[in-house]
Protein backbone atom coordinates (compact mmCIF):
# COMPACT_ATOMS: atom_id res chain seq x y z
CA MET A 1 134.04 109.10 109.06
CA ASN A 2 131.92 109.56 112.17
CA SER A 3 133.34 107.36 115.03
CA PHE A 4 129.88 106.21 116.13
CA TYR A 5 128.77 105.40 112.57
CA ASN A 6 132.03 103.57 111.98
CA ALA A 7 131.68 101.62 115.28
CA ALA A 8 128.12 100.63 114.41
CA LEU A 9 129.11 99.38 111.00
CA SER A 10 132.17 97.49 112.37
CA HIS A 11 130.05 95.86 115.04
CA TRP A 12 127.46 94.52 112.46
CA ARG A 13 130.19 93.56 109.95
CA SER A 14 131.83 91.53 112.71
CA LYS A 15 128.62 89.81 113.66
CA LYS A 16 128.04 89.04 109.92
CA ASP A 17 131.55 87.54 109.58
CA GLU A 18 131.09 85.43 112.84
CA SER A 19 127.73 84.11 111.53
CA ILE A 20 129.15 83.19 108.19
CA ALA A 21 132.20 81.43 109.72
CA THR A 22 130.02 79.57 112.15
CA LEU A 23 127.52 78.41 109.43
CA GLU A 24 130.39 77.43 107.26
CA LEU A 25 131.85 75.35 110.04
CA TYR A 26 128.44 73.60 110.78
CA PHE A 27 127.81 72.98 107.04
CA SER A 28 131.28 71.54 106.49
CA ASN A 29 131.96 69.84 109.80
CA SER A 30 129.00 69.15 112.04
CA VAL A 31 131.28 67.54 114.68
CA GLY A 32 131.55 71.10 116.09
CA ILE A 33 128.22 70.50 117.77
CA GLY A 34 128.24 68.29 120.76
CA GLU A 35 124.56 67.48 120.64
CA HIS A 36 123.87 66.59 117.00
CA SER A 37 120.11 66.80 117.44
CA ALA A 38 120.67 70.56 118.04
CA ILE A 39 122.44 71.28 114.81
CA LEU A 40 119.35 72.62 112.92
CA ASP A 41 118.57 74.79 116.03
CA GLU A 42 122.19 76.22 115.87
CA ILE A 43 121.95 76.63 112.06
CA ASN A 44 118.71 78.54 112.39
CA LYS A 45 120.10 80.71 115.23
CA TRP A 46 123.14 81.70 113.20
CA THR A 47 121.05 82.25 110.04
CA ASN A 48 118.95 84.67 112.00
CA GLU A 49 122.09 86.36 113.41
CA LEU A 50 123.37 86.69 109.85
CA SER A 51 120.09 88.10 108.54
CA GLN A 52 119.99 90.80 111.43
CA ALA A 53 123.53 91.81 110.80
CA ASP A 54 123.08 92.13 107.10
CA ASP A 55 119.79 94.03 107.46
CA ASN A 56 121.46 96.47 110.02
CA ILE A 57 124.37 97.08 107.76
CA LYS A 58 122.11 97.70 104.75
CA ASN A 59 119.89 100.20 106.85
CA LEU A 60 122.90 102.13 108.11
CA GLU A 61 124.20 102.52 104.57
CA ILE A 62 120.87 103.39 103.10
CA TYR A 63 119.87 105.98 105.76
CA PHE A 64 123.29 107.52 106.72
CA ASN A 65 126.30 108.86 105.07
CA SER A 66 129.81 108.25 106.43
CA GLU A 67 129.57 111.22 108.63
CA GLY A 68 126.49 109.77 110.37
CA LYS A 69 124.18 112.34 108.75
CA VAL A 70 120.66 111.23 107.58
CA ILE A 71 120.74 110.86 103.78
CA ASP A 72 116.95 110.96 103.22
CA LYS A 73 114.38 110.53 106.00
CA ASN A 74 111.63 109.63 103.54
CA LYS A 75 113.58 107.12 101.43
CA LYS A 76 111.16 104.29 102.04
CA ALA A 77 108.15 106.60 101.48
CA LYS A 78 109.40 106.99 97.84
CA VAL A 79 108.86 103.24 97.09
CA ARG A 80 105.79 102.76 94.99
CA PRO A 81 103.01 100.65 96.42
CA VAL A 82 102.30 97.36 94.73
CA LYS A 83 99.17 97.48 92.63
CA ASP A 84 96.54 94.74 93.09
C-alpha cells in the first residue's frame, strides 16, 4: 500500500472514529458539555466533521487504488443525468 494513501485513509478514519465517539458521548451523557445551551452547536459541529471524514474516505476509495494510482478519472462522468 502506498504510504501517503495509507496515511490519508488513516487520518480520515481517525477523524471519523473521533466524531462518532464524541457524538455518542453527547447523545448518552450531555454532562460532557459545560454550557448546555451549546450542545446542539457541538452536535452539529461533530456531525459535520463526521460527514467530511466519511466523504473523504469514500472519495479516496472510489478514485484511488491501494497503491495511490487513479482508478478512473472519469468515474463521475459515467453517472447518467437525471431525466426531467
